[in-house]
């Protein structure tokens, strides 16, 4: 007896792809997309990587088009508008029997990039499946555009997709705070660099997307950090140093990054003026900001040997996503 094995779930692949860029797409949401052929085979999987860049649907269509038509010239295009135009001019009905599975409703508006809903309608996509409805009124309505164009649209809500856009939903109305730290397998955080280069590069991408970075005064005095995004050639966010004393050496590199505002305060009032906030700190900062943290990002390195452990008290988390980051384990969590 032969048992036919089910293929990979395209929506699960789309959500998984998007998590690789969670925290790096502000003010846009993390979104993934997967294109399948008539038999359900996976043609392409892609994710939105950075605000201003092509959306997940555009990247997935770009690679699926090259595979379906053998026209690889499209792969040289990086500008979203250019990819849109190429697909609209050359699709020749190649997507008629295909489906695209998107973690978020395709956008309806033309912002920094053209509307994905109108692109999908223009290339006559056979079927569009989306998981989460767009909570942003400006971009919502893509499903209606597609339906009115005669495209088959399916809404398949899922907790996985809702978990993915949790930050995006919140920063529509109030600040979203992510607390990040790195530790070894034994929970220690002292004794030099802990996480690998891939993890550190990811944190720099998060800094590039953040509009405020919060850090403790003792860390600034001891580590004398820069806290920029040089590993991804990105911008440096504003800095809030939590400290009761303003006795900092102004030659510390973080004070001398062009275009950055550095604030020193003993309270969190300044956070209310920002929307995407990244906190980097140790146990003291963790305890101080518990009432303000929405999500946690922990990198666990496969090593041991320090003396100071991160969690000094019992704490319950709910893991939202778990993945590899080079040799490290990357854990996205919320309060349990």
C-alpha atoms as a PDB file:
ATOM      1  CA  UNK A   1       0.000   0.000   0.000  1.00  0.00           C
ATOM      2  CA  UNK A   2       1.409   3.385  -1.012  1.00  0.00           C
ATOM      3  CA  UNK A   3       0.680   6.346   1.236  1.00  0.00           C
ATOM      4  CA  UNK A   4       0.794   9.765  -0.381  1.00  0.00           C
ATOM      5  CA  UNK A   5       2.623  12.232   1.838  1.00  0.00           C
ATOM      6  CA  UNK A   6       1.221  15.727   2.166  1.00  0.00           C
ATOM      7  CA  UNK A   7       3.490  18.494   0.924  1.00  0.00           C
ATOM      8  CA  UNK A   8       4.603  21.453   3.015  1.00  0.00           C
ATOM      9  CA  UNK A   9       1.916  23.908   4.087  1.00  0.00           C
ATOM     10  CA  UNK A  10       2.551  27.045   1.983  1.00  0.00           C
ATOM     11  CA  UNK A  11       1.065  29.365   4.604  1.00  0.00           C
ATOM     12  CA  UNK A  12       3.298  27.877   7.292  1.00  0.00           C
ATOM     13  CA  UNK A  13       6.300  28.443   5.003  1.00  0.00           C
ATOM     14  CA  UNK A  14       5.219  32.046   4.450  1.00  0.00           C
ATOM     15  CA  UNK A  15       4.904  32.723   8.189  1.00  0.00           C
ATOM     16  CA  UNK A  16       8.244  31.037   8.895  1.00  0.00           C
ATOM     17  CA  UNK A  17       9.974  33.157   6.245  1.00  0.00           C
ATOM     18  CA  UNK A  18       8.569  36.347   7.758  1.00  0.00           C
ATOM     19  CA  UNK A  19       9.886  35.579  11.245  1.00  0.00           C
ATOM     20  CA  UNK A  20      13.420  35.816   9.860  1.00  0.00           C
ATOM     21  CA  UNK A  21      12.849  39.568   9.535  1.00  0.00           C
ATOM     22  CA  UNK A  22      10.695  40.196  12.614  1.00  0.00           C
ATOM     23  CA  UNK A  23      11.838  43.438  14.228  1.00  0.00           C
ATOM     24  CA  UNK A  24      13.529  44.664  11.038  1.00  0.00           C
ATOM     25  CA  UNK A  25      10.629  46.000   8.946  1.00  0.00           C
ATOM     26  CA  UNK A  26       9.214  48.932  10.999  1.00  0.00           C
ATOM     27  CA  UNK A  27       7.003  50.778  10.219  1.00  0.00           C
ATOM     28  CA  UNK A  28       5.860  47.905   7.997  1.00  0.00           C
ATOM     29  CA  UNK A  29       4.757  44.516   9.331  1.00  0.00           C
ATOM     30  CA  UNK A  30       6.720  41.293   8.970  1.00  0.00           C
ATOM     31  CA  UNK A  31       5.030  39.461   6.075  1.00  0.00           C
ATOM     32  CA  UNK A  32       5.744  36.235   4.197  1.00  0.00           C
ATOM     33  CA  UNK A  33       4.395  34.832   0.933  1.00  0.00           C
ATOM     34  CA  UNK A  34       4.546  31.495  -0.887  1.00  0.00           C
ATOM     35  CA  UNK A  35       3.577  30.825  -4.510  1.00  0.00           C
ATOM     36  CA  UNK A  36       2.320  27.369  -5.483  1.00  0.00           C
ATOM     37  CA  UNK A  37       1.659  25.778  -8.867  1.00  0.00           C
ATOM     38  CA  UNK A  38      -1.510  24.006 -10.049  1.00  0.00           C
ATOM     39  CA  UNK A  39      -0.607  20.822  -8.156  1.00  0.00           C
ATOM     40  CA  UNK A  40       0.252  22.680  -4.934  1.00  0.00           C
ATOM     41  CA  UNK A  41       3.996  22.440  -5.410  1.00  0.00           C
ATOM     42  CA  UNK A  42       6.066  25.268  -3.956  1.00  0.00           C
ATOM     43  CA  UNK A  43       7.468  27.633  -6.574  1.00  0.00           C
ATOM     44  CA  UNK A  44       8.811  30.408  -4.346  1.00  0.00           C
ATOM     45  CA  UNK A  45       8.829  31.591  -0.732  1.00  0.00           C
ATOM     46  CA  UNK A  46       9.821  35.126   0.253  1.00  0.00           C
ATOM     47  CA  UNK A  47       9.462  37.719   2.998  1.00  0.00           C
ATOM     48  CA  UNK A  48       9.422  41.486   3.295  1.00  0.00           C
ATOM     49  CA  UNK A  49      12.887  42.358   4.556  1.00  0.00           C
ATOM     50  CA  UNK A  50      12.975  46.101   5.146  1.00  0.00           C
ATOM     51  CA  UNK A  51      10.653  49.108   4.881  1.00  0.00           C
ATOM     52  CA  UNK A  52      10.963  50.678   1.450  1.00  0.00           C
ATOM     53  CA  UNK A  53      11.977  47.383  -0.128  1.00  0.00           C
ATOM     54  CA  UNK A  54       9.783  44.999  -2.131  1.00  0.00           C
ATOM     55  CA  UNK A  55       6.908  43.402  -0.240  1.00  0.00           C
ATOM     56  CA  UNK A  56       6.772  39.655   0.285  1.00  0.00           C
ATOM     57  CA  UNK A  57       4.286  39.130  -2.556  1.00  0.00           C
ATOM     58  CA  UNK A  58       6.507  40.980  -5.027  1.00  0.00           C
ATOM     59  CA  UNK A  59       9.614  38.964  -4.161  1.00  0.00           C
ATOM     60  CA  UNK A  60       7.708  35.672  -4.279  1.00  0.00           C
ATOM     61  CA  UNK A  61       6.206  36.537  -7.681  1.00  0.00           C
ATOM     62  CA  UNK A  62       9.609  37.638  -8.971  1.00  0.00           C
ATOM     63  CA  UNK A  63      11.191  34.252  -8.262  1.00  0.00           C
ATOM     64  CA  UNK A  64       8.136  32.240  -9.293  1.00  0.00           C
ATOM     65  CA  UNK A  65       8.020  34.109 -12.617  1.00  0.00           C
ATOM     66  CA  UNK A  66      11.674  33.296 -13.329  1.00  0.00           C
ATOM     67  CA  UNK A  67      11.005  29.622 -12.628  1.00  0.00           C
ATOM     68  CA  UNK A  68       7.803  29.440 -14.673  1.00  0.00           C
ATOM     69  CA  UNK A  69       9.092  31.323 -17.716  1.00  0.00           C
ATOM     70  CA  UNK A  70      12.876  30.786 -17.591  1.00  0.00           C
ATOM     71  CA  UNK A  71      13.132  34.568 -17.946  1.00  0.00           C
ATOM     72  CA  UNK A  72      15.827  35.278 -15.368  1.00  0.00           C
ATOM     73  CA  UNK A  73      16.297  38.929 -16.344  1.00  0.00           C
ATOM     74  CA  UNK A  74      13.736  39.831 -13.676  1.00  0.00           C
ATOM     75  CA  UNK A  75      16.063  38.528 -10.963  1.00  0.00           C
ATOM     76  CA  UNK A  76      18.437  41.432 -11.560  1.00  0.00           C
ATOM     77  CA  UNK A  77      15.756  43.923 -10.487  1.00  0.00           C
ATOM     78  CA  UNK A  78      15.778  45.142  -6.881  1.00  0.00           C
ATOM     79  CA  UNK A  79      13.424  48.132  -6.966  1.00  0.00           C
ATOM     80  CA  UNK A  80       9.862  47.196  -6.121  1.00  0.00           C
ATOM     81  CA  UNK A  81       8.336  49.434  -8.780  1.00  0.00           C
ATOM     82  CA  UNK A  82      10.614  47.977 -11.450  1.00  0.00           C
ATOM     83  CA  UNK A  83       9.640  44.421 -10.493  1.00  0.00           C
ATOM     84  CA  UNK A  84       5.948  45.399 -10.547  1.00  0.00           C
ATOM     85  CA  UNK A  85       6.277  46.895 -14.028  1.00  0.00           C
ATOM     86  CA  UNK A  86       8.212  43.912 -15.397  1.00  0.00           C
ATOM     87  CA  UNK A  87       5.663  41.414 -14.094  1.00  0.00           C
ATOM     88  CA  UNK A  88       2.719  43.398 -15.472  1.00  0.00           C
ATOM     89  CA  UNK A  89       4.373  43.694 -18.878  1.00  0.00           C
ATOM     90  CA  UNK A  90       5.631  40.114 -19.248  1.00  0.00           C
ATOM     91  CA  UNK A  91       3.453  37.743 -17.170  1.00  0.00           C
ATOM     92  CA  UNK A  92       1.543  36.500 -20.244  1.00  0.00           C
ATOM     93  CA  UNK A  93      -0.890  34.614 -18.021  1.00  0.00           C
ATOM     94  CA  UNK A  94       1.777  32.423 -16.395  1.00  0.00           C
ATOM     95  CA  UNK A  95       0.147  32.739 -12.951  1.00  0.00           C
ATOM     96  CA  UNK A  96      -3.375  31.736 -14.045  1.00  0.00           C
ATOM     97  CA  UNK A  97      -3.146  28.283 -12.454  1.00  0.00           C
ATOM     98  CA  UNK A  98      -1.028  29.399  -9.470  1.00  0.00           C
ATOM     99  CA  UNK A  99      -1.929  30.476  -5.966  1.00  0.00           C
ATOM    100  CA  UNK A 100      -0.171  32.840  -3.599  1.00  0.00           C
ATOM    101  CA  UNK A 101      -0.413  32.348   0.154  1.00  0.00           C
ATOM    102  CA  UNK A 102       0.282  35.527   2.149  1.00  0.00           C
ATOM    103  CA  UNK A 103       0.476  35.900   5.923  1.00  0.00           C
ATOM    104  CA  UNK A 104      -1.204  39.345   5.695  1.00  0.00           C
ATOM    105  CA  UNK A 105      -3.885  40.705   3.373  1.00  0.00           C
ATOM    106  CA  UNK A 106      -2.172  42.214   0.287  1.00  0.00           C
ATOM    107  CA  UNK A 107      -1.941  45.986   0.602  1.00  0.00           C
ATOM    108  CA  UNK A 108      -4.328  48.202  -1.303  1.00  0.00           C
ATOM    109  CA  UNK A 109      -2.487  51.523  -1.280  1.00  0.00           C
ATOM    110  CA  UNK A 110       0.471  52.933  -3.176  1.00  0.00           C
ATOM    111  CA  UNK A 111       3.006  54.128  -0.595  1.00  0.00           C
ATOM    112  CA  UNK A 112       6.782  53.768  -0.865  1.00  0.00           C
ATOM    113  CA  UNK A 113       5.971  50.763  -3.059  1.00  0.00           C
ATOM    114  CA  UNK A 114       2.997  50.050  -5.380  1.00  0.00           C
ATOM    115  CA  UNK A 115      -0.103  48.149  -4.251  1.00  0.00           C
ATOM    116  CA  UNK A 116       0.393  44.387  -4.015  1.00  0.00           C
ATOM    117  CA  UNK A 117      -3.338  43.756  -4.430  1.00  0.00           C
ATOM    118  CA  UNK A 118      -3.382  45.619  -7.731  1.00  0.00           C
ATOM    119  CA  UNK A 119      -0.265  43.746  -8.878  1.00  0.00           C
ATOM    120  CA  UNK A 120      -1.867  40.374  -8.111  1.00  0.00           C
ATOM    121  CA  UNK A 121      -4.988  41.450  -9.977  1.00  0.00           C
ATOM    122  CA  UNK A 122      -2.893  42.693 -12.891  1.00  0.00           C
ATOM    123  CA  UNK A 123      -0.975  39.446 -13.361  1.00  0.00           C
ATOM    124  CA  UNK A 124      -4.249  37.494 -13.077  1.00  0.00           C
ATOM    125  CA  UNK A 125      -3.174  35.342 -10.154  1.00  0.00           C
ATOM    126  CA  UNK A 126      -5.354  32.230 -10.042  1.00  0.00           C
ATOM    127  CA  UNK A 127      -5.994  32.315  -6.308  1.00  0.00           C
ATOM    128  CA  UNK A 128      -4.980  34.505  -3.364  1.00  0.00           C
ATOM    129  CA  UNK A 129      -5.037  33.100   0.163  1.00  0.00           C
ATOM    130  CA  UNK A 130      -4.324  35.387   3.098  1.00  0.00           C
ATOM    131  CA  UNK A 131      -4.262  34.713   6.831  1.00  0.00           C
ATOM    132  CA  UNK A 132      -4.531  38.008   8.733  1.00  0.00           C
ATOM    133  CA  UNK A 133      -6.673  40.971   7.727  1.00  0.00           C
ATOM    134  CA  UNK A 134      -4.672  44.190   7.498  1.00  0.00           C
ATOM    135  CA  UNK A 135      -5.280  46.247  10.691  1.00  0.00           C
ATOM    136  CA  UNK A 136      -3.968  49.421   9.059  1.00  0.00           C
ATOM    137  CA  UNK A 137      -6.902  51.318   7.585  1.00  0.00           C
ATOM    138  CA  UNK A 138      -4.681  53.008   5.005  1.00  0.00           C
ATOM    139  CA  UNK A 139      -3.497  49.702   3.511  1.00  0.00           C
ATOM    140  CA  UNK A 140      -6.567  47.504   4.151  1.00  0.00           C
ATOM    141  CA  UNK A 141      -9.038  46.564   1.447  1.00  0.00           C
ATOM    142  CA  UNK A 142      -6.733  44.537  -0.767  1.00  0.00           C
ATOM    143  CA  UNK A 143      -9.047  41.541  -0.631  1.00  0.00           C
ATOM    144  CA  UNK A 144     -11.908  43.648  -2.012  1.00  0.00           C
ATOM    145  CA  UNK A 145      -9.750  44.929  -4.863  1.00  0.00           C
ATOM    146  CA  UNK A 146      -8.871  41.362  -5.799  1.00  0.00           C
ATOM    147  CA  UNK A 147     -12.449  40.090  -5.576  1.00  0.00           C
ATOM    148  CA  UNK A 148     -13.732  42.971  -7.699  1.00  0.00           C
ATOM    149  CA  UNK A 149     -11.111  42.097 -10.304  1.00  0.00           C
ATOM    150  CA  UNK A 150     -12.438  38.560 -10.493  1.00  0.00           C
ATOM    151  CA  UNK A 151      -9.582  36.937  -8.559  1.00  0.00           C
ATOM    152  CA  UNK A 152     -10.511  34.056  -6.262  1.00  0.00           C
ATOM    153  CA  UNK A 153      -9.741  35.151  -2.695  1.00  0.00           C
ATOM    154  CA  UNK A 154      -9.702  33.012   0.448  1.00  0.00           C
ATOM    155  CA  UNK A 155      -9.360  34.293   4.011  1.00  0.00           C
ATOM    156  CA  UNK A 156      -7.836  31.656   6.309  1.00  0.00           C
ATOM    157  CA  UNK A 157      -7.256  33.243   9.761  1.00  0.00           C
ATOM    158  CA  UNK A 158      -4.609  31.666  11.989  1.00  0.00           C
ATOM    159  CA  UNK A 159      -3.028  32.308  15.373  1.00  0.00           C
ATOM    160  CA  UNK A 160       0.404  31.955  13.777  1.00  0.00           C
ATOM    161  CA  UNK A 161      -0.292  34.885  11.452  1.00  0.00           C
ATOM    162  CA  UNK A 162      -1.776  36.952  14.287  1.00  0.00           C
ATOM    163  CA  UNK A 163       1.297  36.280  16.440  1.00  0.00           C
ATOM    164  CA  UNK A 164       3.498  37.424  13.569  1.00  0.00           C
ATOM    165  CA  UNK A 165       1.840  40.844  13.218  1.00  0.00           C
ATOM    166  CA  UNK A 166       1.440  41.443  16.974  1.00  0.00           C
ATOM    167  CA  UNK A 167       4.062  44.255  16.954  1.00  0.00           C
ATOM    168  CA  UNK A 168       2.509  45.888  13.880  1.00  0.00           C
ATOM    169  CA  UNK A 169      -0.969  45.885  15.407  1.00  0.00           C
ATOM    170  CA  UNK A 170       0.251  47.525  18.614  1.00  0.00           C
ATOM    171  CA  UNK A 171       2.428  50.248  17.166  1.00  0.00           C
ATOM    172  CA  UNK A 172      -0.587  51.548  15.251  1.00  0.00           C
ATOM    173  CA  UNK A 173      -1.786  53.050  18.543  1.00  0.00           C
ATOM    174  CA  UNK A 174       0.998  52.869  21.158  1.00  0.00           C
ATOM    175  CA  UNK A 175       4.707  52.103  21.606  1.00  0.00           C
ATOM    176  CA  UNK A 176       5.895  48.537  21.139  1.00  0.00           C
ATOM    177  CA  UNK A 177       8.819  47.517  23.358  1.00  0.00           C
ATOM    178  CA  UNK A 178      11.151  44.605  22.642  1.00  0.00           C
ATOM    179  CA  UNK A 179      13.696  43.530  25.264  1.00  0.00           C
ATOM    180  CA  UNK A 180      16.745  41.788  23.802  1.00  0.00           C
ATOM    181  CA  UNK A 181      19.559  39.928  25.510  1.00  0.00           C
ATOM    182  CA  UNK A 182      22.151  37.219  24.818  1.00  0.00           C
ATOM    183  CA  UNK A 183      23.133  34.445  27.211  1.00  0.00           C
ATOM    184  CA  UNK A 184      25.006  31.176  27.300  1.00  0.00           C
ATOM    185  CA  UNK A 185      23.456  27.772  27.921  1.00  0.00           C
ATOM    186  CA  UNK A 186      24.091  28.187  31.649  1.00  0.00           C
ATOM    187  CA  UNK A 187      22.245  31.527  31.628  1.00  0.00           C
ATOM    188  CA  UNK A 188      25.343  33.674  32.127  1.00  0.00           C
ATOM    189  CA  UNK A 189      25.763  37.028  30.408  1.00  0.00           C
ATOM    190  CA  UNK A 190      29.199  38.291  31.502  1.00  0.00           C
ATOM    191  CA  UNK A 191      32.721  37.664  30.263  1.00  0.00           C
ATOM    192  CA  UNK A 192      32.851  39.244  26.810  1.00  0.00           C
ATOM    193  CA  UNK A 193      31.054  38.664  23.527  1.00  0.00           C
ATOM    194  CA  UNK A 194      28.458  35.895  23.801  1.00  0.00           C
ATOM    195  CA  UNK A 195      26.434  35.630  20.588  1.00  0.00           C
ATOM    196  CA  UNK A 196      27.803  34.874  17.126  1.00  0.00           C
ATOM    197  CA  UNK A 197      28.224  37.260  14.213  1.00  0.00           C
ATOM    198  CA  UNK A 198      24.876  36.299  12.639  1.00  0.00           C
ATOM    199  CA  UNK A 199      23.023  37.193  15.831  1.00  0.00           C
ATOM    200  CA  UNK A 200      24.903  40.462  16.259  1.00  0.00           C
ATOM    201  CA  UNK A 201      24.178  41.390  12.647  1.00  0.00           C
ATOM    202  CA  UNK A 202      20.480  40.737  13.220  1.00  0.00           C
ATOM    203  CA  UNK A 203      20.494  43.033  16.268  1.00  0.00           C
ATOM    204  CA  UNK A 204      22.083  45.762  14.155  1.00  0.00           C
ATOM    205  CA  UNK A 205      19.240  45.337  11.639  1.00  0.00           C
ATOM    206  CA  UNK A 206      16.777  45.739  14.514  1.00  0.00           C
ATOM    207  CA  UNK A 207      18.560  48.912  15.637  1.00  0.00           C
ATOM    208  CA  UNK A 208      18.307  50.239  12.099  1.00  0.00           C
ATOM    209  CA  UNK A 209      14.520  49.724  12.237  1.00  0.00           C
ATOM    210  CA  UNK A 210      14.045  50.967  15.819  1.00  0.00           C
ATOM    211  CA  UNK A 211      13.387  54.619  16.506  1.00  0.00           C
ATOM    212  CA  UNK A 212      14.579  54.403  20.133  1.00  0.00           C
ATOM    213  CA  UNK A 213      17.089  52.215  21.960  1.00  0.00           C
ATOM    214  CA  UNK A 214      16.970  52.083  25.761  1.00  0.00           C
ATOM    215  CA  UNK A 215      20.000  51.101  27.840  1.00  0.00           C
ATOM    216  CA  UNK A 216      21.089  51.321  31.462  1.00  0.00           C
ATOM    217  CA  UNK A 217      23.569  53.850  32.748  1.00  0.00           C
ATOM    218  CA  UNK A 218      25.946  51.289  34.289  1.00  0.00           C
ATOM    219  CA  UNK A 219      26.221  49.471  30.952  1.00  0.00           C
ATOM    220  CA  UNK A 220      27.159  52.718  29.233  1.00  0.00           C
ATOM    221  CA  UNK A 221      29.809  53.528  31.831  1.00  0.00           C
ATOM    222  CA  UNK A 222      31.317  50.043  31.803  1.00  0.00           C
ATOM    223  CA  UNK A 223      31.068  48.969  28.156  1.00  0.00           C
ATOM    224  CA  UNK A 224      31.456  52.399  26.483  1.00  0.00           C
ATOM    225  CA  UNK A 225      29.331  51.227  23.507  1.00  0.00           C
ATOM    226  CA  UNK A 226      28.504  52.791  20.153  1.00  0.00           C
ATOM    227  CA  UNK A 227      25.046  51.182  19.774  1.00  0.00           C
ATOM    228  CA  UNK A 228      24.772  51.861  16.064  1.00  0.00           C
ATOM    229  CA  UNK A 229      23.827  49.678  13.089  1.00  0.00           C
ATOM    230  CA  UNK A 230      27.185  49.597  11.307  1.00  0.00           C
ATOM    231  CA  UNK A 231      27.043  45.835  10.590  1.00  0.00           C
ATOM    232  CA  UNK A 232      24.116  46.478   8.212  1.00  0.00           C
ATOM    233  CA  UNK A 233      25.172  50.004   7.205  1.00  0.00           C
ATOM    234  CA  UNK A 234      22.004  51.295   8.839  1.00  0.00           C
ATOM    235  CA  UNK A 235      20.974  54.311  10.860  1.00  0.00           C
ATOM    236  CA  UNK A 236      21.577  54.652  14.575  1.00  0.00           C
ATOM    237  CA  UNK A 237      18.415  55.039  16.686  1.00  0.00           C
ATOM    238  CA  UNK A 238      17.954  57.691  19.350  1.00  0.00           C
ATOM    239  CA  UNK A 239      19.171  56.604  22.797  1.00  0.00           C
ATOM    240  CA  UNK A 240      17.521  56.776  26.203  1.00  0.00           C
ATOM    241  CA  UNK A 241      19.989  56.111  29.017  1.00  0.00           C
ATOM    242  CA  UNK A 242      18.209  55.184  32.223  1.00  0.00           C
ATOM    243  CA  UNK A 243      20.268  56.677  35.015  1.00  0.00           C
ATOM    244  CA  UNK A 244      19.809  58.746  38.153  1.00  0.00           C
ATOM    245  CA  UNK A 245      23.141  60.476  37.493  1.00  0.00           C
ATOM    246  CA  UNK A 246      24.353  62.390  34.454  1.00  0.00           C
ATOM    247  CA  UNK A 247      28.051  61.804  34.981  1.00  0.00           C
ATOM    248  CA  UNK A 248      28.879  60.180  31.651  1.00  0.00           C
ATOM    249  CA  UNK A 249      32.132  60.641  29.788  1.00  0.00           C
ATOM    250  CA  UNK A 250      31.007  62.350  26.564  1.00  0.00           C
ATOM    251  CA  UNK A 251      33.824  60.667  24.637  1.00  0.00           C
ATOM    252  CA  UNK A 252      31.896  57.383  24.909  1.00  0.00           C
ATOM    253  CA  UNK A 253      31.133  56.561  21.224  1.00  0.00           C
ATOM    254  CA  UNK A 254      27.320  56.522  21.513  1.00  0.00           C
ATOM    255  CA  UNK A 255      27.367  60.266  22.298  1.00  0.00           C
ATOM    256  CA  UNK A 256      29.140  61.078  19.033  1.00  0.00           C
ATOM    257  CA  UNK A 257      26.989  59.433  16.365  1.00  0.00           C
ATOM    258  CA  UNK A 258      25.740  62.068  13.864  1.00  0.00           C
ATOM    259  CA  UNK A 259      21.990  62.613  13.670  1.00  0.00           C
ATOM    260  CA  UNK A 260      21.233  60.846  16.928  1.00  0.00           C
ATOM    261  CA  UNK A 261      19.473  62.251  19.985  1.00  0.00           C
ATOM    262  CA  UNK A 262      20.777  60.988  23.333  1.00  0.00           C
ATOM    263  CA  UNK A 263      18.582  61.449  26.391  1.00  0.00           C
ATOM    264  CA  UNK A 264      19.474  60.744  30.013  1.00  0.00           C
ATOM    265  CA  UNK A 265      16.580  60.273  32.423  1.00  0.00           C
ATOM    266  CA  UNK A 266      15.597  58.417  35.567  1.00  0.00           C
ATOM    267  CA  UNK A 267      12.132  57.525  34.228  1.00  0.00           C
ATOM    268  CA  UNK A 268      10.547  56.132  31.065  1.00  0.00           C
ATOM    269  CA  UNK A 269       8.515  59.180  30.007  1.00  0.00           C
ATOM    270  CA  UNK A 270      10.549  59.684  26.821  1.00  0.00           C
ATOM    271  CA  UNK A 271       9.473  56.258  25.552  1.00  0.00           C
ATOM    272  CA  UNK A 272       5.948  57.549  25.003  1.00  0.00           C
ATOM    273  CA  UNK A 273       7.185  59.686  22.087  1.00  0.00           C
ATOM    274  CA  UNK A 274       8.385  56.665  20.114  1.00  0.00           C
ATOM    275  CA  UNK A 275       6.664  53.643  18.537  1.00  0.00           C
ATOM    276  CA  UNK A 276       9.276  50.918  17.928  1.00  0.00           C
ATOM    277  CA  UNK A 277      11.524  50.625  20.967  1.00  0.00           C
ATOM    278  CA  UNK A 278      14.409  48.219  21.493  1.00  0.00           C
ATOM    279  CA  UNK A 279      15.810  47.653  24.981  1.00  0.00           C
ATOM    280  CA  UNK A 280      19.245  46.137  25.488  1.00  0.00           C
ATOM    281  CA  UNK A 281      20.317  45.437  29.029  1.00  0.00           C
ATOM    282  CA  UNK A 282      20.971  43.096  31.898  1.00  0.00           C
ATOM    283  CA  UNK A 283      18.995  41.784  34.876  1.00  0.00           C
ATOM    284  CA  UNK A 284      18.488  45.214  36.440  1.00  0.00           C
ATOM    285  CA  UNK A 285      17.013  46.696  33.281  1.00  0.00           C
ATOM    286  CA  UNK A 286      14.894  43.603  32.817  1.00  0.00           C
ATOM    287  CA  UNK A 287      13.306  44.003  36.242  1.00  0.00           C
ATOM    288  CA  UNK A 288      12.841  47.760  35.822  1.00  0.00           C
ATOM    289  CA  UNK A 289      11.036  47.499  32.475  1.00  0.00           C
ATOM    290  CA  UNK A 290       8.801  44.484  33.072  1.00  0.00           C
ATOM    291  CA  UNK A 291       5.668  46.618  33.032  1.00  0.00           C
ATOM    292  CA  UNK A 292       6.589  48.067  29.623  1.00  0.00           C
ATOM    293  CA  UNK A 293       7.906  45.051  27.692  1.00  0.00           C
ATOM    294  CA  UNK A 294       5.694  43.521  25.003  1.00  0.00           C
ATOM    295  CA  UNK A 295       8.068  40.981  23.475  1.00  0.00           C
ATOM    296  CA  UNK A 296      11.412  39.437  24.340  1.00  0.00           C
ATOM    297  CA  UNK A 297      14.239  38.296  22.086  1.00  0.00           C
ATOM    298  CA  UNK A 298      16.846  36.002  23.589  1.00  0.00           C
ATOM    299  CA  UNK A 299      19.895  34.610  21.812  1.00  0.00           C
ATOM    300  CA  UNK A 300      21.249  31.481  23.483  1.00  0.00           C
ATOM    301  CA  UNK A 301      24.856  30.663  22.593  1.00  0.00           C
ATOM    302  CA  UNK A 302      26.128  27.052  22.763  1.00  0.00           C
ATOM    303  CA  UNK A 303      28.684  27.765  25.477  1.00  0.00           C
ATOM    304  CA  UNK A 304      29.087  28.272  29.218  1.00  0.00           C
ATOM    305  CA  UNK A 305      31.528  29.890  31.581  1.00  0.00           C
ATOM    306  CA  UNK A 306      30.259  33.183  32.983  1.00  0.00           C
ATOM    307  CA  UNK A 307      29.278  34.018  36.552  1.00  0.00           C
ATOM    308  CA  UNK A 308      26.353  36.466  36.256  1.00  0.00           C
ATOM    309  CA  UNK A 309      23.034  34.944  35.221  1.00  0.00           C
ATOM    310  CA  UNK A 310      20.375  36.925  33.433  1.00  0.00           C
ATOM    311  CA  UNK A 311      17.238  35.858  35.253  1.00  0.00           C
ATOM    312  CA  UNK A 312      17.531  36.439  38.988  1.00  0.00           C
ATOM    313  CA  UNK A 313      13.857  35.671  39.691  1.00  0.00           C
ATOM    314  CA  UNK A 314      11.350  33.130  38.396  1.00  0.00           C
ATOM    315  CA  UNK A 315       9.768  34.226  35.127  1.00  0.00           C
ATOM    316  CA  UNK A 316       7.352  32.492  32.744  1.00  0.00           C
ATOM    317  CA  UNK A 317       7.484  33.119  28.989  1.00  0.00           C
ATOM    318  CA  UNK A 318       5.419  31.936  26.048  1.00  0.00           C
ATOM    319  CA  UNK A 319       7.648  31.140  23.075  1.00  0.00           C
ATOM    320  CA  UNK A 320       6.228  32.609  19.883  1.00  0.00           C
ATOM    321  CA  UNK A 321       9.019  31.525  17.553  1.00  0.00           C
ATOM    322  CA  UNK A 322      12.206  29.475  17.779  1.00  0.00           C
ATOM    323  CA  UNK A 323      14.938  29.329  15.132  1.00  0.00           C
ATOM    324  CA  UNK A 324      18.661  29.099  14.499  1.00  0.00           C
ATOM    325  CA  UNK A 325      20.853  32.168  14.205  1.00  0.00           C
ATOM    326  CA  UNK A 326      24.192  30.813  13.087  1.00  0.00           C
ATOM    327  CA  UNK A 327      25.300  28.638  16.007  1.00  0.00           C
ATOM    328  CA  UNK A 328      22.903  30.384  18.387  1.00  0.00           C
ATOM    329  CA  UNK A 329      19.247  29.705  19.144  1.00  0.00           C
ATOM    330  CA  UNK A 330      16.963  32.711  18.606  1.00  0.00           C
ATOM    331  CA  UNK A 331      13.845  32.825  20.801  1.00  0.00           C
ATOM    332  CA  UNK A 332      10.993  35.290  20.386  1.00  0.00           C
ATOM    333  CA  UNK A 333       8.803  35.324  23.505  1.00  0.00           C
ATOM    334  CA  UNK A 334       5.976  37.141  25.245  1.00  0.00           C
ATOM    335  CA  UNK A 335       4.909  37.163  28.869  1.00  0.00           C
ATOM    336  CA  UNK A 336       3.642  33.729  29.897  1.00  0.00           C
END
